[in-house]
Amino acid sequence: MNPDEIKIGHCYSMTPIKGRRTIARVTKLFRISALAAYETESLELNPVVVRFVWRHAAYPTGWSTRQQQLLLDAFALAAENEVACT
């Protein structure tokens, strides 16, 4: 998916991990500040982070109790398509 298609409150079917398909519900999108330095030059980066809860697609009840987070680009790469949050 494209990173600009990821929205708060929406659910996404994720690439299967060890044969298990998961559904992720986005709870927050935010920027973090990071500083990368190379000798005398420094570069400030502000990547967007996606915070989400997840559940196994085969078991439609029970979202994870702990939130996970990924960089927006990594989340968009793993998200296959938008699905209903049932």
PDB file of N, CA and C in Angstrom:
ATOM      1  N   MET A   1       0.838  -1.180   0.000  1.00  0.00           N
ATOM      2  CA  MET A   1       0.000   0.000   0.000  1.00  0.00           C
ATOM      3  C   MET A   1       0.880   1.239   0.000  1.00  0.00           C
ATOM      4  N   ASN A   2       0.299   2.355  -0.352  1.00  0.00           N
ATOM      5  CA  ASN A   2       1.018   3.628  -0.294  1.00  0.00           C
ATOM      6  C   ASN A   2       0.929   4.188   1.120  1.00  0.00           C
ATOM      7  N   PRO A   3       2.002   4.788   1.616  1.00  0.00           N
ATOM      8  CA  PRO A   3       1.977   5.350   2.966  1.00  0.00           C
ATOM      9  C   PRO A   3       0.862   6.372   3.197  1.00  0.00           C
ATOM     10  N   ASP A   4       0.469   7.127   2.163  1.00  0.00           N
ATOM     11  CA  ASP A   4      -0.580   8.129   2.349  1.00  0.00           C
ATOM     12  C   ASP A   4      -1.976   7.515   2.463  1.00  0.00           C
ATOM     13  N   GLU A   5      -2.102   6.208   2.252  1.00  0.00           N
ATOM     14  CA  GLU A   5      -3.383   5.516   2.393  1.00  0.00           C
ATOM     15  C   GLU A   5      -3.630   5.019   3.814  1.00  0.00           C
ATOM     16  N   ILE A   6      -2.626   5.068   4.680  1.00  0.00           N
ATOM     17  CA  ILE A   6      -2.747   4.589   6.054  1.00  0.00           C
ATOM     18  C   ILE A   6      -3.432   5.663   6.897  1.00  0.00           C
ATOM     19  N   LYS A   7      -4.537   5.302   7.552  1.00  0.00           N
ATOM     20  CA  LYS A   7      -5.339   6.263   8.322  1.00  0.00           C
ATOM     21  C   LYS A   7      -5.593   5.742   9.738  1.00  0.00           C
ATOM     22  N   ILE A   8      -5.716   6.670  10.684  1.00  0.00           N
ATOM     23  CA  ILE A   8      -6.032   6.327  12.070  1.00  0.00           C
ATOM     24  C   ILE A   8      -7.442   5.753  12.138  1.00  0.00           C
ATOM     25  N   GLY A   9      -7.601   4.672  12.930  1.00  0.00           N
ATOM     26  CA  GLY A   9      -8.907   4.051  13.105  1.00  0.00           C
ATOM     27  C   GLY A   9      -9.271   3.045  12.035  1.00  0.00           C
ATOM     28  N   HIS A  10      -8.452   2.898  11.014  1.00  0.00           N
ATOM     29  CA  HIS A  10      -8.705   1.944   9.943  1.00  0.00           C
ATOM     30  C   HIS A  10      -7.937   0.649  10.217  1.00  0.00           C
ATOM     31  N   CYS A  11      -8.405  -0.449   9.621  1.00  0.00           N
ATOM     32  CA  CYS A  11      -7.769  -1.756   9.803  1.00  0.00           C
ATOM     33  C   CYS A  11      -7.183  -2.240   8.483  1.00  0.00           C
ATOM     34  N   TYR A  12      -6.087  -2.988   8.602  1.00  0.00           N
ATOM     35  CA  TYR A  12      -5.365  -3.456   7.425  1.00  0.00           C
ATOM     36  C   TYR A  12      -4.972  -4.916   7.586  1.00  0.00           C
ATOM     37  N   SER A  13      -5.142  -5.675   6.521  1.00  0.00           N
ATOM     38  CA  SER A  13      -4.680  -7.053   6.479  1.00  0.00           C
ATOM     39  C   SER A  13      -3.178  -7.015   6.208  1.00  0.00           C
ATOM     40  N   MET A  14      -2.417  -7.679   7.067  1.00  0.00           N
ATOM     41  CA  MET A  14      -0.965  -7.622   6.981  1.00  0.00           C
ATOM     42  C   MET A  14      -0.399  -8.877   6.309  1.00  0.00           C
ATOM     43  N   THR A  15       0.805  -8.764   5.783  1.00  0.00           N
ATOM     44  CA  THR A  15       1.504  -9.897   5.196  1.00  0.00           C
ATOM     45  C   THR A  15       1.595 -11.011   6.229  1.00  0.00           C
ATOM     46  N   PRO A  16       1.280 -12.262   5.849  1.00  0.00           N
ATOM     47  CA  PRO A  16       1.320 -13.360   6.827  1.00  0.00           C
ATOM     48  C   PRO A  16       2.708 -13.540   7.452  1.00  0.00           C
ATOM     49  N   ILE A  17       2.716 -13.823   8.747  1.00  0.00           N
ATOM     50  CA  ILE A  17       3.934 -14.128   9.482  1.00  0.00           C
ATOM     51  C   ILE A  17       3.826 -15.566   9.955  1.00  0.00           C
ATOM     52  N   LYS A  18       4.748 -16.422   9.540  1.00  0.00           N
ATOM     53  CA  LYS A  18       4.725 -17.857   9.870  1.00  0.00           C
ATOM     54  C   LYS A  18       3.383 -18.480   9.504  1.00  0.00           C
ATOM     55  N   GLY A  19       2.844 -18.061   8.370  1.00  0.00           N
ATOM     56  CA  GLY A  19       1.605 -18.632   7.861  1.00  0.00           C
ATOM     57  C   GLY A  19       0.337 -18.081   8.488  1.00  0.00           C
ATOM     58  N   ARG A  20       0.453 -17.178   9.452  1.00  0.00           N
ATOM     59  CA  ARG A  20      -0.727 -16.619  10.112  1.00  0.00           C
ATOM     60  C   ARG A  20      -0.969 -15.194   9.645  1.00  0.00           C
ATOM     61  N   ARG A  21      -2.168 -14.964   9.159  1.00  0.00           N
ATOM     62  CA  ARG A  21      -2.541 -13.629   8.714  1.00  0.00           C
ATOM     63  C   ARG A  21      -3.011 -12.830   9.923  1.00  0.00           C
ATOM     64  N   THR A  22      -2.593 -11.575   9.989  1.00  0.00           N
ATOM     65  CA  THR A  22      -3.000 -10.700  11.080  1.00  0.00           C
ATOM     66  C   THR A  22      -3.713  -9.465  10.542  1.00  0.00           C
ATOM     67  N   ILE A  23      -4.521  -8.887  11.399  1.00  0.00           N
ATOM     68  CA  ILE A  23      -5.213  -7.645  11.102  1.00  0.00           C
ATOM     69  C   ILE A  23      -4.658  -6.600  12.062  1.00  0.00           C
ATOM     70  N   ALA A  24      -4.296  -5.435  11.560  1.00  0.00           N
ATOM     71  CA  ALA A  24      -3.772  -4.348  12.387  1.00  0.00           C
ATOM     72  C   ALA A  24      -4.743  -3.176  12.345  1.00  0.00           C
ATOM     73  N   ARG A  25      -5.049  -2.616  13.528  1.00  0.00           N
ATOM     74  CA  ARG A  25      -5.886  -1.416  13.623  1.00  0.00           C
ATOM     75  C   ARG A  25      -5.011  -0.254  14.070  1.00  0.00           C
ATOM     76  N   VAL A  26      -4.907   0.768  13.237  1.00  0.00           N
ATOM     77  CA  VAL A  26      -4.035   1.912  13.510  1.00  0.00           C
ATOM     78  C   VAL A  26      -4.669   2.771  14.610  1.00  0.00           C
ATOM     79  N   THR A  27      -3.886   3.038  15.662  1.00  0.00           N
ATOM     80  CA  THR A  27      -4.380   3.844  16.779  1.00  0.00           C
ATOM     81  C   THR A  27      -3.763   5.240  16.802  1.00  0.00           C
ATOM     82  N   LYS A  28      -2.597   5.395  16.174  1.00  0.00           N
ATOM     83  CA  LYS A  28      -1.940   6.705  16.212  1.00  0.00           C
ATOM     84  C   LYS A  28      -0.895   6.805  15.103  1.00  0.00           C
ATOM     85  N   LEU A  29      -0.780   7.987  14.518  1.00  0.00           N
ATOM     86  CA  LEU A  29       0.288   8.327  13.583  1.00  0.00           C
ATOM     87  C   LEU A  29       1.002   9.536  14.168  1.00  0.00           C
ATOM     88  N   PHE A  30       2.317   9.462  14.288  1.00  0.00           N
ATOM     89  CA  PHE A  30       3.050  10.593  14.853  1.00  0.00           C
ATOM     90  C   PHE A  30       4.477  10.624  14.325  1.00  0.00           C
ATOM     91  N   ARG A  31       5.097  11.774  14.457  1.00  0.00           N
ATOM     92  CA  ARG A  31       6.485  11.955  14.026  1.00  0.00           C
ATOM     93  C   ARG A  31       7.396  11.835  15.235  1.00  0.00           C
ATOM     94  N   ILE A  32       8.567  11.257  15.007  1.00  0.00           N
ATOM     95  CA  ILE A  32       9.582  11.230  16.049  1.00  0.00           C
ATOM     96  C   ILE A  32      10.776  12.039  15.569  1.00  0.00           C
ATOM     97  N   SER A  33      11.533  12.537  16.496  1.00  0.00           N
ATOM     98  CA  SER A  33      12.742  13.275  16.145  1.00  0.00           C
ATOM     99  C   SER A  33      13.938  12.369  16.339  1.00  0.00           C
ATOM    100  N   ALA A  34      14.767  12.319  15.341  1.00  0.00           N
ATOM    101  CA  ALA A  34      15.988  11.531  15.401  1.00  0.00           C
ATOM    102  C   ALA A  34      17.105  12.386  14.822  1.00  0.00           C
ATOM    103  N   LEU A  35      18.292  12.182  15.307  1.00  0.00           N
ATOM    104  CA  LEU A  35      19.419  12.964  14.827  1.00  0.00           C
ATOM    105  C   LEU A  35      20.500  12.001  14.357  1.00  0.00           C
ATOM    106  N   ALA A  36      20.881  12.130  13.115  1.00  0.00           N
ATOM    107  CA  ALA A  36      21.953  11.311  12.566  1.00  0.00           C
ATOM    108  C   ALA A  36      23.151  12.220  12.313  1.00  0.00           C
ATOM    109  N   ALA A  37      24.292  11.841  12.807  1.00  0.00           N
ATOM    110  CA  ALA A  37      25.484  12.682  12.637  1.00  0.00           C
ATOM    111  C   ALA A  37      26.555  11.912  11.865  1.00  0.00           C
ATOM    112  N   TYR A  38      27.214  12.611  10.991  1.00  0.00           N
ATOM    113  CA  TYR A  38      28.321  12.036  10.229  1.00  0.00           C
ATOM    114  C   TYR A  38      29.456  13.040  10.260  1.00  0.00           C
ATOM    115  N   GLU A  39      30.468  12.735  11.057  1.00  0.00           N
ATOM    116  CA  GLU A  39      31.606  13.627  11.280  1.00  0.00           C
ATOM    117  C   GLU A  39      31.124  15.018  11.689  1.00  0.00           C
ATOM    118  N   THR A  40      31.284  16.014  10.838  1.00  0.00           N
ATOM    119  CA  THR A  40      30.905  17.379  11.229  1.00  0.00           C
ATOM    120  C   THR A  40      29.511  17.761  10.750  1.00  0.00           C
ATOM    121  N   GLU A  41      28.894  16.925   9.923  1.00  0.00           N
ATOM    122  CA  GLU A  41      27.565  17.233   9.410  1.00  0.00           C
ATOM    123  C   GLU A  41      26.513  16.476  10.212  1.00  0.00           C
ATOM    124  N   SER A  42      25.394  17.089  10.408  1.00  0.00           N
ATOM    125  CA  SER A  42      24.295  16.391  11.067  1.00  0.00           C
ATOM    126  C   SER A  42      23.034  16.552  10.224  1.00  0.00           C
ATOM    127  N   LEU A  43      22.167  15.576  10.319  1.00  0.00           N
ATOM    128  CA  LEU A  43      20.941  15.567   9.542  1.00  0.00           C
ATOM    129  C   LEU A  43      19.806  15.212  10.491  1.00  0.00           C
ATOM    130  N   GLU A  44      18.833  16.073  10.583  1.00  0.00           N
ATOM    131  CA  GLU A  44      17.683  15.791  11.437  1.00  0.00           C
ATOM    132  C   GLU A  44      16.616  15.094  10.613  1.00  0.00           C
ATOM    133  N   LEU A  45      16.136  14.010  11.129  1.00  0.00           N
ATOM    134  CA  LEU A  45      15.108  13.228  10.457  1.00  0.00           C
ATOM    135  C   LEU A  45      13.852  13.234  11.315  1.00  0.00           C
ATOM    136  N   ASN A  46      12.708  13.273  10.704  1.00  0.00           N
ATOM    137  CA  ASN A  46      11.431  13.229  11.424  1.00  0.00           C
ATOM    138  C   ASN A  46      10.527  12.171  10.802  1.00  0.00           C
ATOM    139  N   PRO A  47      10.874  10.908  10.972  1.00  0.00           N
ATOM    140  CA  PRO A  47      10.050   9.869  10.355  1.00  0.00           C
ATOM    141  C   PRO A  47       8.685   9.737  11.034  1.00  0.00           C
ATOM    142  N   VAL A  48       7.702   9.298  10.270  1.00  0.00           N
ATOM    143  CA  VAL A  48       6.357   9.055  10.796  1.00  0.00           C
ATOM    144  C   VAL A  48       6.304   7.622  11.309  1.00  0.00           C
ATOM    145  N   VAL A  49       5.719   7.470  12.494  1.00  0.00           N
ATOM    146  CA  VAL A  49       5.575   6.164  13.131  1.00  0.00           C
ATOM    147  C   VAL A  49       4.094   5.818  13.200  1.00  0.00           C
ATOM    148  N   VAL A  50       3.778   4.536  12.982  1.00  0.00           N
ATOM    149  CA  VAL A  50       2.410   4.030  13.084  1.00  0.00           C
ATOM    150  C   VAL A  50       2.328   3.193  14.359  1.00  0.00           C
ATOM    151  N   ARG A  51       1.404   3.545  15.242  1.00  0.00           N
ATOM    152  CA  ARG A  51       1.159   2.730  16.431  1.00  0.00           C
ATOM    153  C   ARG A  51      -0.134   1.962  16.178  1.00  0.00           C
ATOM    154  N   PHE A  52      -0.160   0.669  16.523  1.00  0.00           N
ATOM    155  CA  PHE A  52      -1.310  -0.166  16.190  1.00  0.00           C
ATOM    156  C   PHE A  52      -1.480  -1.311  17.184  1.00  0.00           C
ATOM    157  N   VAL A  53      -2.692  -1.859  17.201  1.00  0.00           N
ATOM    158  CA  VAL A  53      -2.979  -3.108  17.903  1.00  0.00           C
ATOM    159  C   VAL A  53      -3.280  -4.133  16.823  1.00  0.00           C
ATOM    160  N   TRP A  54      -3.205  -5.410  17.153  1.00  0.00           N
ATOM    161  CA  TRP A  54      -3.388  -6.435  16.145  1.00  0.00           C
ATOM    162  C   TRP A  54      -4.177  -7.609  16.705  1.00  0.00           C
ATOM    163  N   ARG A  55      -4.662  -8.431  15.792  1.00  0.00           N
ATOM    164  CA  ARG A  55      -5.304  -9.703  16.146  1.00  0.00           C
ATOM    165  C   ARG A  55      -5.096 -10.674  14.994  1.00  0.00           C
ATOM    166  N   HIS A  56      -5.217 -11.954  15.286  1.00  0.00           N
ATOM    167  CA  HIS A  56      -5.133 -12.955  14.232  1.00  0.00           C
ATOM    168  C   HIS A  56      -6.428 -12.921  13.419  1.00  0.00           C
ATOM    169  N   ALA A  57      -6.322 -13.001  12.125  1.00  0.00           N
ATOM    170  CA  ALA A  57      -7.491 -12.933  11.255  1.00  0.00           C
ATOM    171  C   ALA A  57      -8.446 -14.098  11.502  1.00  0.00           C
ATOM    172  N   ALA A  58      -7.921 -15.251  11.904  1.00  0.00           N
ATOM    173  CA  ALA A  58      -8.757 -16.431  12.128  1.00  0.00           C
ATOM    174  C   ALA A  58      -9.591 -16.317  13.405  1.00  0.00           C
ATOM    175  N   TYR A  59      -9.190 -15.431  14.317  1.00  0.00           N
ATOM    176  CA  TYR A  59      -9.897 -15.250  15.584  1.00  0.00           C
ATOM    177  C   TYR A  59     -10.345 -13.793  15.682  1.00  0.00           C
ATOM    178  N   PRO A  60     -11.569 -13.488  15.241  1.00  0.00           N
ATOM    179  CA  PRO A  60     -11.998 -12.088  15.151  1.00  0.00           C
ATOM    180  C   PRO A  60     -12.240 -11.371  16.478  1.00  0.00           C
ATOM    181  N   THR A  61     -12.071 -12.041  17.592  1.00  0.00           N
ATOM    182  CA  THR A  61     -12.254 -11.364  18.875  1.00  0.00           C
ATOM    183  C   THR A  61     -10.904 -11.174  19.542  1.00  0.00           C
ATOM    184  N   GLY A  62     -10.785 -10.108  20.278  1.00  0.00           N
ATOM    185  CA  GLY A  62      -9.602  -9.898  21.087  1.00  0.00           C
ATOM    186  C   GLY A  62      -8.421  -9.246  20.384  1.00  0.00           C
ATOM    187  N   TRP A  63      -8.321  -7.933  20.503  1.00  0.00           N
ATOM    188  CA  TRP A  63      -7.158  -7.205  20.014  1.00  0.00           C
ATOM    189  C   TRP A  63      -6.024  -7.375  21.011  1.00  0.00           C
ATOM    190  N   SER A  64      -4.800  -7.222  20.566  1.00  0.00           N
ATOM    191  CA  SER A  64      -3.642  -7.318  21.452  1.00  0.00           C
ATOM    192  C   SER A  64      -3.763  -6.284  22.566  1.00  0.00           C
ATOM    193  N   THR A  65      -3.252  -6.623  23.739  1.00  0.00           N
ATOM    194  CA  THR A  65      -3.336  -5.695  24.869  1.00  0.00           C
ATOM    195  C   THR A  65      -2.220  -4.664  24.820  1.00  0.00           C
ATOM    196  N   ARG A  66      -1.135  -4.972  24.155  1.00  0.00           N
ATOM    197  CA  ARG A  66      -0.016  -4.030  24.024  1.00  0.00           C
ATOM    198  C   ARG A  66       0.052  -3.505  22.597  1.00  0.00           C
ATOM    199  N   GLN A  67       0.275  -2.212  22.476  1.00  0.00           N
ATOM    200  CA  GLN A  67       0.400  -1.611  21.153  1.00  0.00           C
ATOM    201  C   GLN A  67       1.802  -1.850  20.608  1.00  0.00           C
ATOM    202  N   GLN A  68       1.888  -1.992  19.296  1.00  0.00           N
ATOM    203  CA  GLN A  68       3.152  -2.143  18.588  1.00  0.00           C
ATOM    204  C   GLN A  68       3.346  -0.891  17.750  1.00  0.00           C
ATOM    205  N   GLN A  69       4.556  -0.682  17.258  1.00  0.00           N
ATOM    206  CA  GLN A  69       4.767   0.444  16.349  1.00  0.00           C
ATOM    207  C   GLN A  69       5.829   0.105  15.317  1.00  0.00           C
ATOM    208  N   LEU A  70       5.631   0.664  14.136  1.00  0.00           N
ATOM    209  CA  LEU A  70       6.545   0.522  13.009  1.00  0.00           C
ATOM    210  C   LEU A  70       6.660   1.875  12.326  1.00  0.00           C
ATOM    211  N   LEU A  71       7.750   2.071  11.621  1.00  0.00           N
ATOM    212  CA  LEU A  71       7.842   3.247  10.761  1.00  0.00           C
ATOM    213  C   LEU A  71       6.768   3.140   9.690  1.00  0.00           C
ATOM    214  N   LEU A  72       6.240   4.268   9.276  1.00  0.00           N
ATOM    215  CA  LEU A  72       5.152   4.291   8.300  1.00  0.00           C
ATOM    216  C   LEU A  72       5.499   3.512   7.039  1.00  0.00           C
ATOM    217  N   ASP A  73       6.696   3.678   6.521  1.00  0.00           N
ATOM    218  CA  ASP A  73       7.086   2.969   5.291  1.00  0.00           C
ATOM    219  C   ASP A  73       7.082   1.455   5.484  1.00  0.00           C
ATOM    220  N   ALA A  74       7.553   0.980   6.640  1.00  0.00           N
ATOM    221  CA  ALA A  74       7.572  -0.457   6.917  1.00  0.00           C
ATOM    222  C   ALA A  74       6.147  -0.986   7.073  1.00  0.00           C
ATOM    223  N   PHE A  75       5.287  -0.214   7.754  1.00  0.00           N
ATOM    224  CA  PHE A  75       3.889  -0.621   7.924  1.00  0.00           C
ATOM    225  C   PHE A  75       3.189  -0.703   6.570  1.00  0.00           C
ATOM    226  N   ALA A  76       3.382   0.314   5.732  1.00  0.00           N
ATOM    227  CA  ALA A  76       2.752   0.347   4.412  1.00  0.00           C
ATOM    228  C   ALA A  76       3.215  -0.807   3.535  1.00  0.00           C
ATOM    229  N   LEU A  77       4.466  -1.194   3.676  1.00  0.00           N
ATOM    230  CA  LEU A  77       5.009  -2.322   2.923  1.00  0.00           C
ATOM    231  C   LEU A  77       4.353  -3.630   3.358  1.00  0.00           C
ATOM    232  N   ALA A  78       4.103  -3.787   4.662  1.00  0.00           N
ATOM    233  CA  ALA A  78       3.511  -5.020   5.191  1.00  0.00           C
ATOM    234  C   ALA A  78       1.992  -5.069   5.010  1.00  0.00           C
ATOM    235  N   ALA A  79       1.346  -3.907   4.946  1.00  0.00           N
ATOM    236  CA  ALA A  79      -0.118  -3.868   4.797  1.00  0.00           C
ATOM    237  C   ALA A  79      -0.489  -4.239   3.361  1.00  0.00           C
ATOM    238  N   GLU A  80      -1.382  -5.215   3.231  1.00  0.00           N
ATOM    239  CA  GLU A  80      -1.781  -5.656   1.900  1.00  0.00           C
ATOM    240  C   GLU A  80      -3.000  -4.914   1.386  1.00  0.00           C
ATOM    241  N   ASN A  81      -4.006  -4.723   2.249  1.00  0.00           N
ATOM    242  CA  ASN A  81      -5.194  -3.969   1.870  1.00  0.00           C
ATOM    243  C   ASN A  81      -5.991  -3.590   3.106  1.00  0.00           C
ATOM    244  N   GLU A  82      -6.915  -2.648   2.935  1.00  0.00           N
ATOM    245  CA  GLU A  82      -7.760  -2.206   4.038  1.00  0.00           C
ATOM    246  C   GLU A  82      -8.909  -3.191   4.192  1.00  0.00           C
ATOM    247  N   VAL A  83      -9.254  -3.504   5.447  1.00  0.00           N
ATOM    248  CA  VAL A  83     -10.340  -4.437   5.738  1.00  0.00           C
ATOM    249  C   VAL A  83     -11.251  -3.816   6.798  1.00  0.00           C
ATOM    250  N   ALA A  84     -12.419  -4.418   6.985  1.00  0.00           N
ATOM    251  CA  ALA A  84     -13.353  -3.943   8.008  1.00  0.00           C
ATOM    252  C   ALA A  84     -12.806  -4.241   9.399  1.00  0.00           C
ATOM    253  N   CYS A  85     -13.051  -3.339  10.330  1.00  0.00           N
ATOM    254  CA  CYS A  85     -12.585  -3.497  11.721  1.00  0.00           C
ATOM    255  C   CYS A  85     -13.645  -4.199  12.567  1.00  0.00           C
ATOM    256  N   THR A  86     -14.032  -5.388  12.213  1.00  0.00           N
ATOM    257  CA  THR A  86     -15.076  -6.084  12.974  1.00  0.00           C
ATOM    258  C   THR A  86     -14.499  -6.932  14.069  1.00  0.00           C
TER     259      THR A  86
END
